[in-house]
Amino acid sequence: MGFLSSFEAAARGEDDSRARPVSIAGKAVVCPHCGGTRFLEGKAQLNTAGMSFLNLDWLNRSVTVLECAHCGRIQWFA
């Protein structure tokens, strides 16, 4: 099961075994939808039209993306 595919597992009532508790700025992250405390972590790039036009997407900022292992909700953190 890959990142962002735990939605299917959540629909079956399962949790992804790779999920883990996460803390940001010293505070435990909790899913605001279901109260879950285990997440799959990934990265996403914040592309802009200008940088994409110039073929310089790699210069754009990246953020951390957390997917709740229970319900699949995605949260973004800069």
Protein backbone atom coordinates (compact mmCIF):
# COMPACT_ATOMS: atom_id res chain seq x y z
CA MET A 1 0.00 0.00 0.00
CA GLY A 2 1.55 3.34 -1.04
CA PHE A 3 1.22 6.84 0.26
CA LEU A 4 -2.32 8.21 -0.20
CA SER A 5 -3.67 4.72 -0.85
CA SER A 6 -4.64 4.02 2.74
CA PHE A 7 -8.03 5.51 1.86
CA GLU A 8 -8.99 2.07 0.53
CA ALA A 9 -7.74 0.46 3.75
CA ALA A 10 -9.68 2.98 5.81
CA ALA A 11 -12.82 2.14 3.82
CA ARG A 12 -12.31 -1.49 4.85
CA GLY A 13 -11.75 -0.47 8.49
CA GLU A 14 -8.00 -1.22 8.43
CA ASP A 15 -4.99 0.91 9.42
CA ASP A 16 -1.75 1.03 7.41
CA SER A 17 1.01 -0.78 9.34
CA ARG A 18 3.61 1.85 8.28
CA ALA A 19 1.70 4.67 9.98
CA ARG A 20 3.18 6.23 13.09
CA PRO A 21 2.45 8.95 15.64
CA VAL A 22 3.78 12.37 14.58
CA SER A 23 4.69 15.47 16.58
CA ILE A 24 5.09 18.93 15.07
CA ALA A 25 6.56 21.80 17.10
CA GLY A 26 6.49 19.56 20.17
CA LYS A 27 2.76 18.84 19.95
CA ALA A 28 1.22 15.49 18.95
CA VAL A 29 -0.78 15.66 15.73
CA VAL A 30 -4.38 14.43 15.99
CA CYS A 31 -6.73 14.02 13.04
CA PRO A 32 -9.47 16.68 13.32
CA HIS A 33 -11.93 14.37 11.56
CA CYS A 34 -11.68 11.04 13.41
CA GLY A 35 -9.25 11.71 16.27
CA GLY A 36 -6.66 9.31 14.81
CA THR A 37 -3.08 9.61 16.03
CA ARG A 38 -1.18 7.56 13.41
CA PHE A 39 -0.16 9.02 10.06
CA LEU A 40 1.64 8.23 6.83
CA GLU A 41 4.12 11.00 6.04
CA GLY A 42 5.02 12.34 2.61
CA LYS A 43 6.22 15.45 0.82
CA ALA A 44 4.42 17.68 -1.68
CA GLN A 45 5.79 20.47 -3.80
CA LEU A 46 4.05 23.85 -3.93
CA ASN A 47 4.37 24.58 -7.64
CA THR A 48 3.74 28.08 -8.98
CA ALA A 49 2.68 29.01 -12.50
CA GLY A 50 5.72 31.23 -13.10
CA MET A 51 8.26 28.61 -12.04
CA SER A 52 6.44 25.91 -14.01
CA PHE A 53 6.45 28.13 -17.11
CA LEU A 54 10.22 28.56 -16.73
CA ASN A 55 10.65 24.82 -16.07
CA LEU A 56 12.06 25.58 -12.60
CA ASP A 57 9.57 23.62 -10.48
CA TRP A 58 12.44 22.15 -8.46
CA LEU A 59 13.03 25.62 -6.94
CA ASN A 60 9.55 25.72 -5.38
CA ARG A 61 9.04 25.02 -1.70
CA SER A 62 8.07 21.58 -0.38
CA VAL A 63 5.75 20.82 2.54
CA THR A 64 5.08 17.83 4.76
CA VAL A 65 1.83 15.99 4.10
CA LEU A 66 0.28 13.71 6.73
CA GLU A 67 -2.42 11.20 5.85
CA CYS A 68 -4.48 9.79 8.71
CA ALA A 69 -4.09 6.00 8.73
CA HIS A 70 -7.66 5.57 9.98
CA CYS A 71 -9.83 7.87 7.83
CA GLY A 72 -7.49 9.09 5.07
CA ARG A 73 -7.79 12.82 5.81
CA ILE A 74 -4.76 14.74 4.52
CA GLN A 75 -3.16 17.59 6.47
CA TRP A 76 -0.44 19.92 5.09
CA PHE A 77 2.38 21.44 7.18
CA ALA A 78 4.85 24.05 5.95
